[in-house]
C-alpha atoms as a PDB file:
ATOM      1  CA  UNK A   1     -11.836  15.048   3.047  1.00  0.00           C
ATOM      2  CA  UNK A   2     -13.245  17.197   0.596  1.00  0.00           C
ATOM      3  CA  UNK A   3     -16.865  16.908   2.069  1.00  0.00           C
ATOM      4  CA  UNK A   4     -15.498  17.343   5.614  1.00  0.00           C
ATOM      5  CA  UNK A   5     -13.662  20.275   4.634  1.00  0.00           C
ATOM      6  CA  UNK A   6     -15.857  21.938   2.240  1.00  0.00           C
ATOM      7  CA  UNK A   7     -18.062  24.796   2.866  1.00  0.00           C
ATOM      8  CA  UNK A   8     -21.629  24.141   2.690  1.00  0.00           C
ATOM      9  CA  UNK A   9     -22.610  25.172  -1.183  1.00  0.00           C
ATOM     10  CA  UNK A  10     -19.463  23.276  -2.018  1.00  0.00           C
ATOM     11  CA  UNK A  11     -20.319  20.329  -0.058  1.00  0.00           C
ATOM     12  CA  UNK A  12     -23.603  20.138  -1.652  1.00  0.00           C
ATOM     13  CA  UNK A  13     -22.382  20.555  -5.288  1.00  0.00           C
ATOM     14  CA  UNK A  14     -20.095  17.498  -4.449  1.00  0.00           C
ATOM     15  CA  UNK A  15     -22.630  15.539  -3.195  1.00  0.00           C
ATOM     16  CA  UNK A  16     -24.826  16.445  -6.081  1.00  0.00           C
ATOM     17  CA  UNK A  17     -21.933  15.122  -8.396  1.00  0.00           C
ATOM     18  CA  UNK A  18     -21.095  11.873  -6.879  1.00  0.00           C
ATOM     19  CA  UNK A  19     -22.407   9.265  -9.160  1.00  0.00           C
ATOM     20  CA  UNK A  20     -23.483  11.577 -12.306  1.00  0.00           C
ATOM     21  CA  UNK A  21     -22.911   9.975 -15.322  1.00  0.00           C
ATOM     22  CA  UNK A  22     -23.658  13.215 -17.120  1.00  0.00           C
ATOM     23  CA  UNK A  23     -21.163  15.296 -15.616  1.00  0.00           C
ATOM     24  CA  UNK A  24     -20.066  18.195 -17.474  1.00  0.00           C
ATOM     25  CA  UNK A  25     -16.628  19.474 -18.417  1.00  0.00           C
ATOM     26  CA  UNK A  26     -17.451  22.539 -16.484  1.00  0.00           C
ATOM     27  CA  UNK A  27     -18.979  20.465 -13.306  1.00  0.00           C
ATOM     28  CA  UNK A  28     -15.901  18.150 -13.610  1.00  0.00           C
ATOM     29  CA  UNK A  29     -13.325  20.997 -13.313  1.00  0.00           C
ATOM     30  CA  UNK A  30     -15.259  22.786 -10.541  1.00  0.00           C
ATOM     31  CA  UNK A  31     -15.078  19.565  -8.599  1.00  0.00           C
ATOM     32  CA  UNK A  32     -11.226  19.214  -9.302  1.00  0.00           C
ATOM     33  CA  UNK A  33     -11.254  22.893  -7.936  1.00  0.00           C
ATOM     34  CA  UNK A  34     -12.888  21.998  -4.636  1.00  0.00           C
ATOM     35  CA  UNK A  35     -10.869  18.880  -3.825  1.00  0.00           C
ATOM     36  CA  UNK A  36      -7.786  20.864  -4.753  1.00  0.00           C
ATOM     37  CA  UNK A  37      -8.938  23.999  -2.873  1.00  0.00           C
ATOM     38  CA  UNK A  38     -10.045  22.117   0.555  1.00  0.00           C
ATOM     39  CA  UNK A  39      -6.587  20.162   0.515  1.00  0.00           C
ATOM     40  CA  UNK A  40      -7.874  16.694  -0.112  1.00  0.00           C
ATOM     41  CA  UNK A  41      -5.599  16.208  -3.143  1.00  0.00           C
ATOM     42  CA  UNK A  42      -2.598  16.993  -0.932  1.00  0.00           C
ATOM     43  CA  UNK A  43      -4.020  14.869   1.823  1.00  0.00           C
ATOM     44  CA  UNK A  44      -4.508  11.978  -0.679  1.00  0.00           C
ATOM     45  CA  UNK A  45      -0.791  12.699  -2.042  1.00  0.00           C
ATOM     46  CA  UNK A  46       0.583  12.392   1.304  1.00  0.00           C
ATOM     47  CA  UNK A  47      -1.261   9.224   2.365  1.00  0.00           C
ATOM     48  CA  UNK A  48      -0.257   7.679  -0.996  1.00  0.00           C
ATOM     49  CA  UNK A  49       3.551   8.562  -0.432  1.00  0.00           C
ATOM     50  CA  UNK A  50       3.352   7.006   3.164  1.00  0.00           C
ATOM     51  CA  UNK A  51       1.706   4.103   1.810  1.00  0.00           C
ATOM     52  CA  UNK A  52       4.556   3.512  -0.756  1.00  0.00           C
ATOM     53  CA  UNK A  53       7.279   4.419   1.545  1.00  0.00           C
ATOM     54  CA  UNK A  54       5.909   1.523   3.555  1.00  0.00           C
ATOM     55  CA  UNK A  55       5.521  -0.872   0.764  1.00  0.00           C
ATOM     56  CA  UNK A  56       9.259  -0.100  -0.681  1.00  0.00           C
ATOM     57  CA  UNK A  57      10.375  -0.513   2.614  1.00  0.00           C
ATOM     58  CA  UNK A  58       8.730  -3.760   2.965  1.00  0.00           C
ATOM     59  CA  UNK A  59      10.003  -4.807  -0.346  1.00  0.00           C
ATOM     60  CA  UNK A  60      13.355  -3.994   0.757  1.00  0.00           C
ATOM     61  CA  UNK A  61      13.208  -5.978   3.967  1.00  0.00           C
ATOM     62  CA  UNK A  62      11.942  -9.231   2.209  1.00  0.00           C
ATOM     63  CA  UNK A  63      13.787  -8.735  -1.078  1.00  0.00           C
ATOM     64  CA  UNK A  64      15.193 -12.411  -0.837  1.00  0.00           C
ATOM     65  CA  UNK A  65      11.914 -13.299  -1.782  1.00  0.00           C
ATOM     66  CA  UNK A  66      11.975 -11.892  -5.080  1.00  0.00           C
ATOM     67  CA  UNK A  67      14.197 -12.215  -8.289  1.00  0.00           C
ATOM     68  CA  UNK A  68      16.852  -8.884  -8.517  1.00  0.00           C
ATOM     69  CA  UNK A  69      14.625  -8.260 -11.907  1.00  0.00           C
ATOM     70  CA  UNK A  70      11.534  -8.481  -9.676  1.00  0.00           C
ATOM     71  CA  UNK A  71      12.589  -6.239  -6.893  1.00  0.00           C
ATOM     72  CA  UNK A  72      13.686  -3.937  -9.585  1.00  0.00           C
ATOM     73  CA  UNK A  73      10.148  -4.212 -11.412  1.00  0.00           C
ATOM     74  CA  UNK A  74       8.207  -3.456  -8.512  1.00  0.00           C
ATOM     75  CA  UNK A  75      10.126  -0.595  -7.272  1.00  0.00           C
ATOM     76  CA  UNK A  76       9.984   0.973 -10.490  1.00  0.00           C
ATOM     77  CA  UNK A  77       6.309   0.212 -11.000  1.00  0.00           C
ATOM     78  CA  UNK A  78       5.254   1.410  -7.488  1.00  0.00           C
ATOM     79  CA  UNK A  79       7.599   5.039  -8.294  1.00  0.00           C
ATOM     80  CA  UNK A  80       5.773   5.262 -11.724  1.00  0.00           C
ATOM     81  CA  UNK A  81       2.462   5.006 -10.061  1.00  0.00           C
ATOM     82  CA  UNK A  82       3.256   7.696  -7.392  1.00  0.00           C
ATOM     83  CA  UNK A  83       4.715  10.020  -9.714  1.00  0.00           C
ATOM     84  CA  UNK A  84       2.584   9.773 -12.850  1.00  0.00           C
ATOM     85  CA  UNK A  85       0.267  12.436 -13.666  1.00  0.00           C
ATOM     86  CA  UNK A  86      -3.280  12.197 -14.878  1.00  0.00           C
END
């Protein structure tokens, strides 16, 4: 998404950074800025929320296949993963 939405210079920068095992902290921060500025982060978060909503709905629909503890664990795990901050 970021590569599609970034201007030519930022797109080129991101391409150069992909797979770069020697990425510096400054380069990493610039990548994060581009990803945020292009809306890629928000886009990915929306997709994650949509998938999570679908998963939780499915869990609720098929809750009889799981123990109550299992359902609670899976729901809590899913919500934790979605809300965690890196």
